[in-house]
Amino acid sequence: MGTIVSPLPGIFYRKPGPGKPPFANEGDTIEVGQTLGIVEIMKQFTEIQSDVAGILESFEVAEGDMVNPGDPIVVVREG
């Protein structure tokens, strides 16, 4: 399993904007480099991308939660 962690502090979002579908959902097949969410800090948005391929097992934070560097965001089951 691979755990994707936050590279910086901020607010985690699963969607690119209000009313838009999530970048990915639990159970989706994930490719290396695929965007799984974004972290916003002071109106700067940083994409969170997967560094492993597999199945998205779970999100460890909810939409709008605060994250800190190193906090787990997504678990991907390799496969």
C-alpha atoms as a PDB file:
ATOM      1  CA  MET A   1       0.000   0.000   0.000  1.00  0.00           C
ATOM      2  CA  GLY A   2       1.072   3.534  -0.647  1.00  0.00           C
ATOM      3  CA  THR A   3       0.150   6.490   1.504  1.00  0.00           C
ATOM      4  CA  ILE A   4       0.037   9.904  -0.148  1.00  0.00           C
ATOM      5  CA  VAL A   5       0.946  12.645   2.328  1.00  0.00           C
ATOM      6  CA  SER A   6       0.490  16.394   2.313  1.00  0.00           C
ATOM      7  CA  PRO A   7       3.594  18.301   1.200  1.00  0.00           C
ATOM      8  CA  LEU A   8       2.465  21.503   2.950  1.00  0.00           C
ATOM      9  CA  PRO A   9      -0.040  22.909   5.439  1.00  0.00           C
ATOM     10  CA  GLY A  10      -3.437  24.066   4.249  1.00  0.00           C
ATOM     11  CA  ILE A  11      -7.003  22.994   3.521  1.00  0.00           C
ATOM     12  CA  PHE A  12      -7.607  19.775   1.584  1.00  0.00           C
ATOM     13  CA  TYR A  13     -10.194  19.626  -1.200  1.00  0.00           C
ATOM     14  CA  ARG A  14     -11.235  16.565  -3.212  1.00  0.00           C
ATOM     15  CA  LYS A  15     -12.788  18.706  -5.976  1.00  0.00           C
ATOM     16  CA  PRO A  16     -11.312  21.314  -8.331  1.00  0.00           C
ATOM     17  CA  GLY A  17     -14.116  23.724  -7.384  1.00  0.00           C
ATOM     18  CA  PRO A  18     -17.636  24.026  -5.964  1.00  0.00           C
ATOM     19  CA  GLY A  19     -20.168  21.978  -7.916  1.00  0.00           C
ATOM     20  CA  LYS A  20     -17.437  20.009  -9.721  1.00  0.00           C
ATOM     21  CA  PRO A  21     -16.970  16.234  -9.414  1.00  0.00           C
ATOM     22  CA  PRO A  22     -14.140  14.910  -7.198  1.00  0.00           C
ATOM     23  CA  PHE A  23     -10.738  14.255  -8.777  1.00  0.00           C
ATOM     24  CA  ALA A  24     -11.040  10.614  -7.621  1.00  0.00           C
ATOM     25  CA  ASN A  25     -13.250   8.401  -5.489  1.00  0.00           C
ATOM     26  CA  GLU A  26     -12.642   5.398  -3.250  1.00  0.00           C
ATOM     27  CA  GLY A  27     -12.458   2.270  -5.401  1.00  0.00           C
ATOM     28  CA  ASP A  28     -11.127   4.128  -8.466  1.00  0.00           C
ATOM     29  CA  THR A  29      -8.087   2.838 -10.344  1.00  0.00           C
ATOM     30  CA  ILE A  30      -5.289   5.370  -9.853  1.00  0.00           C
ATOM     31  CA  GLU A  31      -2.353   6.050 -12.179  1.00  0.00           C
ATOM     32  CA  VAL A  32       1.025   7.475 -11.195  1.00  0.00           C
ATOM     33  CA  GLY A  33       0.828  11.258 -11.488  1.00  0.00           C
ATOM     34  CA  GLN A  34      -2.971  11.366 -11.246  1.00  0.00           C
ATOM     35  CA  THR A  35      -4.359  14.292  -9.247  1.00  0.00           C
ATOM     36  CA  LEU A  36      -6.234  13.107  -6.162  1.00  0.00           C
ATOM     37  CA  GLY A  37      -6.998  16.465  -4.565  1.00  0.00           C
ATOM     38  CA  ILE A  38      -5.634  19.922  -3.857  1.00  0.00           C
ATOM     39  CA  VAL A  39      -4.274  21.733  -0.804  1.00  0.00           C
ATOM     40  CA  GLU A  40      -5.014  25.441  -0.547  1.00  0.00           C
ATOM     41  CA  ILE A  41      -2.996  27.866   1.518  1.00  0.00           C
ATOM     42  CA  MET A  42      -3.529  31.614   1.181  1.00  0.00           C
ATOM     43  CA  LYS A  43      -5.278  31.239  -2.217  1.00  0.00           C
ATOM     44  CA  GLN A  44      -2.404  29.131  -3.601  1.00  0.00           C
ATOM     45  CA  PHE A  45      -3.549  25.697  -4.794  1.00  0.00           C
ATOM     46  CA  THR A  46      -1.172  22.730  -4.918  1.00  0.00           C
ATOM     47  CA  GLU A  47      -2.239  19.512  -6.641  1.00  0.00           C
ATOM     48  CA  ILE A  48      -1.773  16.311  -4.662  1.00  0.00           C
ATOM     49  CA  GLN A  49      -0.692  13.627  -7.117  1.00  0.00           C
ATOM     50  CA  SER A  50      -0.270   9.906  -6.648  1.00  0.00           C
ATOM     51  CA  ASP A  51       3.236   8.480  -6.755  1.00  0.00           C
ATOM     52  CA  VAL A  52       1.886   4.911  -6.954  1.00  0.00           C
ATOM     53  CA  ALA A  53      -0.564   3.083  -9.207  1.00  0.00           C
ATOM     54  CA  GLY A  54      -3.364   0.990  -7.768  1.00  0.00           C
ATOM     55  CA  ILE A  55      -6.832   1.221  -6.242  1.00  0.00           C
ATOM     56  CA  LEU A  56      -7.811   4.209  -4.114  1.00  0.00           C
ATOM     57  CA  GLU A  57      -8.459   2.526  -0.770  1.00  0.00           C
ATOM     58  CA  SER A  58      -9.465   5.511   1.384  1.00  0.00           C
ATOM     59  CA  PHE A  59      -9.232   9.228   2.037  1.00  0.00           C
ATOM     60  CA  GLU A  60      -7.711   9.891   5.441  1.00  0.00           C
ATOM     61  CA  VAL A  61      -9.036  13.478   5.618  1.00  0.00           C
ATOM     62  CA  ALA A  62     -12.432  14.922   4.773  1.00  0.00           C
ATOM     63  CA  GLU A  63     -13.257  17.685   2.305  1.00  0.00           C
ATOM     64  CA  GLY A  64     -12.261  21.015   3.890  1.00  0.00           C
ATOM     65  CA  ASP A  65     -10.064  19.530   6.632  1.00  0.00           C
ATOM     66  CA  MET A  66      -6.814  21.202   7.651  1.00  0.00           C
ATOM     67  CA  VAL A  67      -3.651  19.223   6.874  1.00  0.00           C
ATOM     68  CA  ASN A  68      -0.034  19.643   7.881  1.00  0.00           C
ATOM     69  CA  PRO A  69       3.125  18.512   6.098  1.00  0.00           C
ATOM     70  CA  GLY A  70       3.434  14.736   6.339  1.00  0.00           C
ATOM     71  CA  ASP A  71      -0.229  14.147   7.235  1.00  0.00           C
ATOM     72  CA  PRO A  72      -1.665  11.111   5.388  1.00  0.00           C
ATOM     73  CA  ILE A  73      -4.255  12.158   2.798  1.00  0.00           C
ATOM     74  CA  VAL A  74      -4.933   9.106   0.616  1.00  0.00           C
ATOM     75  CA  VAL A  75      -4.192   5.383   0.858  1.00  0.00           C
ATOM     76  CA  VAL A  76      -3.670   3.566  -2.461  1.00  0.00           C
ATOM     77  CA  ARG A  77      -3.608  -0.241  -2.549  1.00  0.00           C
ATOM     78  CA  GLU A  78      -1.099  -1.286  -5.156  1.00  0.00           C
ATOM     79  CA  GLY A  79      -2.436  -3.738  -7.650  1.00  0.00           C
END
